[in-house]
Amino acid sequence: MHKYSVILLVFILMYNDSTAQIGRYIRVVQKSFNWGARAGFVATNFNSYQMYQGETEISGNAVNQVGFECAFFGKTNLGKFFLQPDFSYYSTKESYLLNLPPVIDINTQQEIAQNISLKKSSQSLNVAVLLGYNIVKSDAYLFNFFLGPNFIYNYATKYEVNELFVNRNPQHRMDFITGVSANISHLYFDFRYEVKIPAKNYIYFSDMESVPDYLKDISIRESKNLLSLSIGIMF
């Protein structure tokens, strides 16, 4: 009899503890205000690009590369809806292959190909204001959809070919974000797609400092968006 009493007491204590844990998890989802942090990966998605030497279009290729992001956010819950300011840092990478017109070797009179591999890295600070709707809001689980503007300050852009040169002209722009996020209690998942505004971006190397002479008449006109996948914690 004593043995069964001990087992029953242990079961009651475990049940009370699990109930308290579930209660805490539910309170995270059901709070009127949440805050949290997330980190993950960002990748450029090129829609189109054209490369020019002067006014002449040249062939080339633009390659997507993976960068990273980290962010802090707050979330004000208004029933099924929520308002979420988002403060983030992006580090993105891209690369370009430029096929310049061949030159003639004065000694052999043969054409020499000019293929230039150009690497680009950018750092930016961003402030997004997102309006969302909770599709699922049950117990310790959340699944929602959000959209809103993202205000971007691109404070450093570096290019590297045979030598390093820097675009020292900071860029300010506003993009548009749409995405989904999910919660399992404190665990937070975020997937978003960032549409660039304006759709076309122009790169003129003649505007940059310390640019090599053979790139001064090169320009790139591109249309690209950004994909982001991150994981974090919410309180």
C-alpha atoms as a PDB file:
ATOM      1  CA  MET A   1       0.000   0.000   0.000  1.00  0.00           C
ATOM      2  CA  HIS A   2       2.827   2.328   0.880  1.00  0.00           C
ATOM      3  CA  LYS A   3       4.475   1.636  -2.491  1.00  0.00           C
ATOM      4  CA  TYR A   4       1.316   2.596  -4.388  1.00  0.00           C
ATOM      5  CA  SER A   5       0.984   5.784  -2.341  1.00  0.00           C
ATOM      6  CA  VAL A   6       4.518   6.816  -3.307  1.00  0.00           C
ATOM      7  CA  ILE A   7       3.823   6.097  -7.013  1.00  0.00           C
ATOM      8  CA  LEU A   8       0.596   8.116  -6.859  1.00  0.00           C
ATOM      9  CA  LEU A   9       2.401  11.026  -5.180  1.00  0.00           C
ATOM     10  CA  VAL A  10       5.141  11.018  -7.860  1.00  0.00           C
ATOM     11  CA  PHE A  11       2.509  10.943 -10.611  1.00  0.00           C
ATOM     12  CA  ILE A  12       0.660  13.914  -9.070  1.00  0.00           C
ATOM     13  CA  LEU A  13       3.886  15.928  -8.794  1.00  0.00           C
ATOM     14  CA  MET A  14       4.833  15.151 -12.411  1.00  0.00           C
ATOM     15  CA  TYR A  15       1.351  16.078 -13.614  1.00  0.00           C
ATOM     16  CA  ASN A  16       1.422  19.387 -11.739  1.00  0.00           C
ATOM     17  CA  ASP A  17       4.870  20.187 -13.166  1.00  0.00           C
ATOM     18  CA  SER A  18       3.836  19.364 -16.754  1.00  0.00           C
ATOM     19  CA  THR A  19       0.647  21.391 -16.332  1.00  0.00           C
ATOM     20  CA  ALA A  20       2.698  24.352 -15.146  1.00  0.00           C
ATOM     21  CA  GLN A  21       5.066  23.974 -18.113  1.00  0.00           C
ATOM     22  CA  ILE A  22       2.165  23.869 -20.579  1.00  0.00           C
ATOM     23  CA  GLY A  23       0.655  26.894 -18.874  1.00  0.00           C
ATOM     24  CA  ARG A  24       3.892  28.809 -19.341  1.00  0.00           C
ATOM     25  CA  TYR A  25       4.065  27.788 -23.013  1.00  0.00           C
ATOM     26  CA  ILE A  26       0.478  28.876 -23.611  1.00  0.00           C
ATOM     27  CA  ARG A  27       1.109  32.197 -21.862  1.00  0.00           C
ATOM     28  CA  VAL A  28       3.970  32.928 -24.302  1.00  0.00           C
ATOM     29  CA  VAL A  29       1.596  32.588 -27.253  1.00  0.00           C
ATOM     30  CA  GLN A  30      -1.344  34.332 -25.591  1.00  0.00           C
ATOM     31  CA  LYS A  31       0.540  37.375 -24.217  1.00  0.00           C
ATOM     32  CA  SER A  32      -0.420  40.847 -25.423  1.00  0.00           C
ATOM     33  CA  PHE A  33       3.240  41.680 -26.150  1.00  0.00           C
ATOM     34  CA  ASN A  34       6.143  39.447 -27.166  1.00  0.00           C
ATOM     35  CA  TRP A  35       9.741  40.112 -28.000  1.00  0.00           C
ATOM     36  CA  GLY A  36      12.504  37.949 -29.356  1.00  0.00           C
ATOM     37  CA  ALA A  37      15.573  37.465 -31.515  1.00  0.00           C
ATOM     38  CA  ARG A  38      16.317  35.439 -34.610  1.00  0.00           C
ATOM     39  CA  ALA A  39      19.255  34.602 -36.882  1.00  0.00           C
ATOM     40  CA  GLY A  40      19.539  32.853 -40.199  1.00  0.00           C
ATOM     41  CA  PHE A  41      20.466  32.998 -43.856  1.00  0.00           C
ATOM     42  CA  VAL A  42      19.678  35.395 -46.701  1.00  0.00           C
ATOM     43  CA  ALA A  43      20.128  34.724 -50.401  1.00  0.00           C
ATOM     44  CA  THR A  44      19.780  36.977 -53.428  1.00  0.00           C
ATOM     45  CA  ASN A  45      17.366  35.867 -56.125  1.00  0.00           C
ATOM     46  CA  PHE A  46      18.157  37.491 -59.488  1.00  0.00           C
ATOM     47  CA  ASN A  47      15.155  38.066 -61.737  1.00  0.00           C
ATOM     48  CA  SER A  48      17.092  39.703 -64.573  1.00  0.00           C
ATOM     49  CA  TYR A  49      20.351  41.498 -65.235  1.00  0.00           C
ATOM     50  CA  GLN A  50      22.056  43.303 -68.102  1.00  0.00           C
ATOM     51  CA  MET A  51      25.717  44.280 -68.221  1.00  0.00           C
ATOM     52  CA  TYR A  52      27.115  47.111 -70.328  1.00  0.00           C
ATOM     53  CA  GLN A  53      30.464  48.460 -71.448  1.00  0.00           C
ATOM     54  CA  GLY A  54      29.589  52.040 -72.239  1.00  0.00           C
ATOM     55  CA  GLU A  55      26.327  51.708 -74.169  1.00  0.00           C
ATOM     56  CA  THR A  56      27.168  48.261 -75.557  1.00  0.00           C
ATOM     57  CA  GLU A  57      25.565  45.274 -73.845  1.00  0.00           C
ATOM     58  CA  ILE A  58      28.011  42.499 -72.962  1.00  0.00           C
ATOM     59  CA  SER A  59      27.414  38.919 -71.890  1.00  0.00           C
ATOM     60  CA  GLY A  60      27.879  37.783 -68.325  1.00  0.00           C
ATOM     61  CA  ASN A  61      26.393  35.960 -65.412  1.00  0.00           C
ATOM     62  CA  ALA A  62      25.182  36.824 -61.912  1.00  0.00           C
ATOM     63  CA  VAL A  63      25.469  34.172 -59.204  1.00  0.00           C
ATOM     64  CA  ASN A  64      23.422  33.920 -56.019  1.00  0.00           C
ATOM     65  CA  GLN A  65      25.362  33.457 -52.799  1.00  0.00           C
ATOM     66  CA  VAL A  66      24.248  32.936 -49.216  1.00  0.00           C
ATOM     67  CA  GLY A  67      24.737  35.629 -46.582  1.00  0.00           C
ATOM     68  CA  PHE A  68      23.447  35.909 -43.029  1.00  0.00           C
ATOM     69  CA  GLU A  69      21.184  38.054 -40.887  1.00  0.00           C
ATOM     70  CA  CYS A  70      20.404  38.653 -37.224  1.00  0.00           C
ATOM     71  CA  ALA A  71      17.421  40.544 -35.846  1.00  0.00           C
ATOM     72  CA  PHE A  72      15.473  41.638 -32.784  1.00  0.00           C
ATOM     73  CA  PHE A  73      11.735  42.118 -32.869  1.00  0.00           C
ATOM     74  CA  GLY A  74       8.770  43.152 -30.766  1.00  0.00           C
ATOM     75  CA  LYS A  75       5.220  41.987 -31.321  1.00  0.00           C
ATOM     76  CA  THR A  76       2.021  43.678 -30.174  1.00  0.00           C
ATOM     77  CA  ASN A  77      -0.903  41.261 -30.361  1.00  0.00           C
ATOM     78  CA  LEU A  78      -4.334  42.625 -31.272  1.00  0.00           C
ATOM     79  CA  GLY A  79      -6.574  39.566 -31.252  1.00  0.00           C
ATOM     80  CA  LYS A  80      -5.992  37.700 -34.493  1.00  0.00           C
ATOM     81  CA  PHE A  81      -3.821  40.537 -35.813  1.00  0.00           C
ATOM     82  CA  PHE A  82      -0.409  41.769 -34.663  1.00  0.00           C
ATOM     83  CA  LEU A  83       2.026  44.617 -35.305  1.00  0.00           C
ATOM     84  CA  GLN A  84       5.708  43.652 -35.382  1.00  0.00           C
ATOM     85  CA  PRO A  85       8.617  46.107 -35.636  1.00  0.00           C
ATOM     86  CA  ASP A  86      11.761  44.285 -36.736  1.00  0.00           C
ATOM     87  CA  PHE A  87      15.354  45.562 -36.392  1.00  0.00           C
ATOM     88  CA  SER A  88      17.897  43.581 -38.408  1.00  0.00           C
ATOM     89  CA  TYR A  89      21.421  43.428 -39.789  1.00  0.00           C
ATOM     90  CA  TYR A  90      22.067  41.886 -43.221  1.00  0.00           C
ATOM     91  CA  SER A  91      25.355  40.722 -44.701  1.00  0.00           C
ATOM     92  CA  THR A  92      24.786  39.690 -48.318  1.00  0.00           C
ATOM     93  CA  LYS A  93      27.081  38.345 -51.040  1.00  0.00           C
ATOM     94  CA  GLU A  94      26.871  38.203 -54.820  1.00  0.00           C
ATOM     95  CA  SER A  95      29.254  37.491 -57.669  1.00  0.00           C
ATOM     96  CA  TYR A  96      29.326  38.494 -61.329  1.00  0.00           C
ATOM     97  CA  LEU A  97      31.153  37.145 -64.368  1.00  0.00           C
ATOM     98  CA  LEU A  98      31.752  39.815 -67.006  1.00  0.00           C
ATOM     99  CA  ASN A  99      32.662  38.736 -70.551  1.00  0.00           C
ATOM    100  CA  LEU A 100      34.307  41.843 -72.023  1.00  0.00           C
ATOM    101  CA  PRO A 101      35.036  42.057 -75.759  1.00  0.00           C
ATOM    102  CA  PRO A 102      38.328  40.334 -76.588  1.00  0.00           C
ATOM    103  CA  VAL A 103      41.481  42.370 -77.238  1.00  0.00           C
ATOM    104  CA  ILE A 104      44.081  41.753 -79.949  1.00  0.00           C
ATOM    105  CA  ASP A 105      47.579  40.738 -78.879  1.00  0.00           C
ATOM    106  CA  ILE A 106      49.918  43.085 -80.767  1.00  0.00           C
ATOM    107  CA  ASN A 107      52.579  40.383 -81.037  1.00  0.00           C
ATOM    108  CA  THR A 108      50.534  37.365 -82.147  1.00  0.00           C
ATOM    109  CA  GLN A 109      47.537  39.283 -83.580  1.00  0.00           C
ATOM    110  CA  GLN A 110      45.307  36.772 -81.795  1.00  0.00           C
ATOM    111  CA  GLU A 111      42.252  37.563 -79.744  1.00  0.00           C
ATOM    112  CA  ILE A 112      42.602  37.357 -75.958  1.00  0.00           C
ATOM    113  CA  ALA A 113      39.442  36.771 -73.949  1.00  0.00           C
ATOM    114  CA  GLN A 114      38.664  39.150 -71.090  1.00  0.00           C
ATOM    115  CA  ASN A 115      36.627  37.310 -68.490  1.00  0.00           C
ATOM    116  CA  ILE A 116      36.396  39.162 -65.189  1.00  0.00           C
ATOM    117  CA  SER A 117      35.104  37.573 -61.981  1.00  0.00           C
ATOM    118  CA  LEU A 118      33.727  40.228 -59.648  1.00  0.00           C
ATOM    119  CA  LYS A 119      32.719  39.587 -56.022  1.00  0.00           C
ATOM    120  CA  LYS A 120      30.408  41.873 -54.065  1.00  0.00           C
ATOM    121  CA  SER A 121      29.600  42.033 -50.343  1.00  0.00           C
ATOM    122  CA  SER A 122      27.181  44.414 -48.624  1.00  0.00           C
ATOM    123  CA  GLN A 123      26.212  45.268 -45.055  1.00  0.00           C
ATOM    124  CA  SER A 124      22.971  46.973 -44.143  1.00  0.00           C
ATOM    125  CA  LEU A 125      20.824  47.976 -41.178  1.00  0.00           C
ATOM    126  CA  ASN A 126      17.080  47.540 -41.617  1.00  0.00           C
ATOM    127  CA  VAL A 127      13.877  48.553 -39.859  1.00  0.00           C
ATOM    128  CA  ALA A 128      10.691  46.738 -40.903  1.00  0.00           C
ATOM    129  CA  VAL A 129       7.145  47.472 -39.745  1.00  0.00           C
ATOM    130  CA  LEU A 130       5.041  44.353 -40.273  1.00  0.00           C
ATOM    131  CA  LEU A 131       1.320  43.805 -40.013  1.00  0.00           C
ATOM    132  CA  GLY A 132       0.354  40.178 -39.506  1.00  0.00           C
ATOM    133  CA  TYR A 133      -2.587  37.842 -39.153  1.00  0.00           C
ATOM    134  CA  ASN A 134      -2.593  34.678 -37.015  1.00  0.00           C
ATOM    135  CA  ILE A 135      -3.929  31.824 -39.119  1.00  0.00           C
ATOM    136  CA  VAL A 136      -3.416  29.401 -36.219  1.00  0.00           C
ATOM    137  CA  LYS A 137      -3.378  30.547 -32.586  1.00  0.00           C
ATOM    138  CA  SER A 138      -3.972  27.540 -30.378  1.00  0.00           C
ATOM    139  CA  ASP A 139      -2.414  26.544 -27.059  1.00  0.00           C
ATOM    140  CA  ALA A 140       1.370  26.798 -27.507  1.00  0.00           C
ATOM    141  CA  TYR A 141       1.280  27.002 -31.314  1.00  0.00           C
ATOM    142  CA  LEU A 142       1.222  29.913 -33.746  1.00  0.00           C
ATOM    143  CA  PHE A 143       1.244  30.139 -37.521  1.00  0.00           C
ATOM    144  CA  ASN A 144       0.825  33.507 -39.191  1.00  0.00           C
ATOM    145  CA  PHE A 145       1.209  35.598 -42.315  1.00  0.00           C
ATOM    146  CA  PHE A 146       2.741  39.081 -42.396  1.00  0.00           C
ATOM    147  CA  LEU A 147       3.644  41.904 -44.767  1.00  0.00           C
ATOM    148  CA  GLY A 148       4.950  45.446 -44.610  1.00  0.00           C
ATOM    149  CA  PRO A 149       7.676  47.924 -45.618  1.00  0.00           C
ATOM    150  CA  ASN A 150      11.365  47.472 -44.838  1.00  0.00           C
ATOM    151  CA  PHE A 151      13.529  50.604 -44.562  1.00  0.00           C
ATOM    152  CA  ILE A 152      17.154  49.856 -45.480  1.00  0.00           C
ATOM    153  CA  TYR A 153      20.395  51.722 -44.865  1.00  0.00           C
ATOM    154  CA  ASN A 154      23.145  50.062 -46.905  1.00  0.00           C
ATOM    155  CA  TYR A 155      26.231  51.528 -45.279  1.00  0.00           C
ATOM    156  CA  ALA A 156      29.049  49.474 -46.832  1.00  0.00           C
ATOM    157  CA  THR A 157      29.491  47.800 -50.216  1.00  0.00           C
ATOM    158  CA  LYS A 158      32.762  46.208 -51.249  1.00  0.00           C
ATOM    159  CA  TYR A 159      33.803  44.822 -54.625  1.00  0.00           C
ATOM    160  CA  GLU A 160      36.745  42.556 -55.281  1.00  0.00           C
ATOM    161  CA  VAL A 161      38.288  41.582 -58.588  1.00  0.00           C
ATOM    162  CA  ASN A 162      42.106  41.530 -58.654  1.00  0.00           C
ATOM    163  CA  GLU A 163      42.095  44.266 -56.044  1.00  0.00           C
ATOM    164  CA  LEU A 164      39.603  45.586 -53.529  1.00  0.00           C
ATOM    165  CA  PHE A 165      37.626  48.765 -54.064  1.00  0.00           C
ATOM    166  CA  VAL A 166      34.733  50.232 -52.173  1.00  0.00           C
ATOM    167  CA  ASN A 167      31.515  52.054 -53.009  1.00  0.00           C
ATOM    168  CA  ARG A 168      31.481  54.755 -50.342  1.00  0.00           C
ATOM    169  CA  ASN A 169      28.066  56.105 -51.298  1.00  0.00           C
ATOM    170  CA  PRO A 170      25.574  54.817 -48.683  1.00  0.00           C
ATOM    171  CA  GLN A 171      22.231  53.786 -50.141  1.00  0.00           C
ATOM    172  CA  HIS A 172      18.805  54.381 -48.609  1.00  0.00           C
ATOM    173  CA  ARG A 173      15.796  52.574 -49.972  1.00  0.00           C
ATOM    174  CA  MET A 174      12.509  50.970 -49.015  1.00  0.00           C
ATOM    175  CA  ASP A 175      11.628  47.371 -49.906  1.00  0.00           C
ATOM    176  CA  PHE A 176       8.490  45.341 -49.310  1.00  0.00           C
ATOM    177  CA  ILE A 177       8.393  42.167 -47.179  1.00  0.00           C
ATOM    178  CA  THR A 178       5.905  39.321 -47.172  1.00  0.00           C
ATOM    179  CA  GLY A 179       6.299  36.046 -45.319  1.00  0.00           C
ATOM    180  CA  VAL A 180       5.138  33.523 -42.761  1.00  0.00           C
ATOM    181  CA  SER A 181       6.280  32.635 -39.258  1.00  0.00           C
ATOM    182  CA  ALA A 182       5.503  29.874 -36.786  1.00  0.00           C
ATOM    183  CA  ASN A 183       5.915  29.293 -33.065  1.00  0.00           C
ATOM    184  CA  ILE A 184       6.165  26.157 -30.973  1.00  0.00           C
ATOM    185  CA  SER A 185       6.095  27.827 -27.581  1.00  0.00           C
ATOM    186  CA  HIS A 186       9.326  29.865 -27.351  1.00  0.00           C
ATOM    187  CA  LEU A 187      10.791  28.441 -30.566  1.00  0.00           C
ATOM    188  CA  TYR A 188      10.314  30.829 -33.501  1.00  0.00           C
ATOM    189  CA  PHE A 189      10.623  30.128 -37.262  1.00  0.00           C
ATOM    190  CA  ASP A 190      10.565  32.851 -39.917  1.00  0.00           C
ATOM    191  CA  PHE A 191      10.505  32.697 -43.744  1.00  0.00           C
ATOM    192  CA  ARG A 192      10.240  35.918 -45.722  1.00  0.00           C
ATOM    193  CA  TYR A 193      10.519  37.209 -49.281  1.00  0.00           C
ATOM    194  CA  GLU A 194      11.757  40.746 -49.830  1.00  0.00           C
ATOM    195  CA  VAL A 195      10.758  42.583 -53.006  1.00  0.00           C
ATOM    196  CA  LYS A 196      13.132  45.345 -54.072  1.00  0.00           C
ATOM    197  CA  ILE A 197      11.713  48.829 -54.714  1.00  0.00           C
ATOM    198  CA  PRO A 198      12.409  50.117 -57.303  1.00  0.00           C
ATOM    199  CA  ALA A 199      12.541  46.865 -59.218  1.00  0.00           C
ATOM    200  CA  LYS A 200      15.619  47.910 -61.228  1.00  0.00           C
ATOM    201  CA  ASN A 201      18.955  48.619 -59.547  1.00  0.00           C
ATOM    202  CA  TYR A 202      21.784  50.392 -61.394  1.00  0.00           C
ATOM    203  CA  ILE A 203      25.471  49.926 -60.588  1.00  0.00           C
ATOM    204  CA  TYR A 204      27.890  52.426 -62.158  1.00  0.00           C
ATOM    205  CA  PHE A 205      31.504  51.625 -61.347  1.00  0.00           C
ATOM    206  CA  SER A 206      32.636  55.047 -62.582  1.00  0.00           C
ATOM    207  CA  ASP A 207      31.031  56.554 -59.439  1.00  0.00           C
ATOM    208  CA  MET A 208      33.250  54.536 -57.088  1.00  0.00           C
ATOM    209  CA  GLU A 209      36.643  55.298 -55.607  1.00  0.00           C
ATOM    210  CA  SER A 210      39.794  53.348 -56.533  1.00  0.00           C
ATOM    211  CA  VAL A 211      37.993  51.430 -59.262  1.00  0.00           C
ATOM    212  CA  PRO A 212      40.355  49.779 -61.793  1.00  0.00           C
ATOM    213  CA  ASP A 213      40.513  51.550 -65.166  1.00  0.00           C
ATOM    214  CA  TYR A 214      39.143  48.567 -67.097  1.00  0.00           C
ATOM    215  CA  LEU A 215      35.897  48.720 -65.059  1.00  0.00           C
ATOM    216  CA  LYS A 216      35.241  52.462 -65.228  1.00  0.00           C
ATOM    217  CA  ASP A 217      32.935  52.197 -68.247  1.00  0.00           C
ATOM    218  CA  ILE A 218      31.117  49.090 -66.922  1.00  0.00           C
ATOM    219  CA  SER A 219      27.573  49.264 -65.566  1.00  0.00           C
ATOM    220  CA  ILE A 220      25.099  46.620 -64.389  1.00  0.00           C
ATOM    221  CA  ARG A 221      21.319  46.929 -64.446  1.00  0.00           C
ATOM    222  CA  GLU A 222      19.692  44.252 -62.357  1.00  0.00           C
ATOM    223  CA  SER A 223      16.392  43.194 -60.859  1.00  0.00           C
ATOM    224  CA  LYS A 224      16.617  41.031 -57.754  1.00  0.00           C
ATOM    225  CA  ASN A 225      14.785  40.059 -54.599  1.00  0.00           C
ATOM    226  CA  LEU A 226      15.866  38.516 -51.317  1.00  0.00           C
ATOM    227  CA  LEU A 227      14.963  35.260 -49.581  1.00  0.00           C
ATOM    228  CA  SER A 228      15.388  34.882 -45.820  1.00  0.00           C
ATOM    229  CA  LEU A 229      15.110  31.846 -43.552  1.00  0.00           C
ATOM    230  CA  SER A 230      15.773  32.211 -39.821  1.00  0.00           C
ATOM    231  CA  ILE A 231      15.144  30.590 -36.461  1.00  0.00           C
ATOM    232  CA  GLY A 232      14.963  32.233 -33.069  1.00  0.00           C
ATOM    233  CA  ILE A 233      13.363  32.480 -29.666  1.00  0.00           C
ATOM    234  CA  MET A 234      10.356  34.500 -28.527  1.00  0.00           C
ATOM    235  CA  PHE A 235       9.346  35.519 -24.987  1.00  0.00           C
END
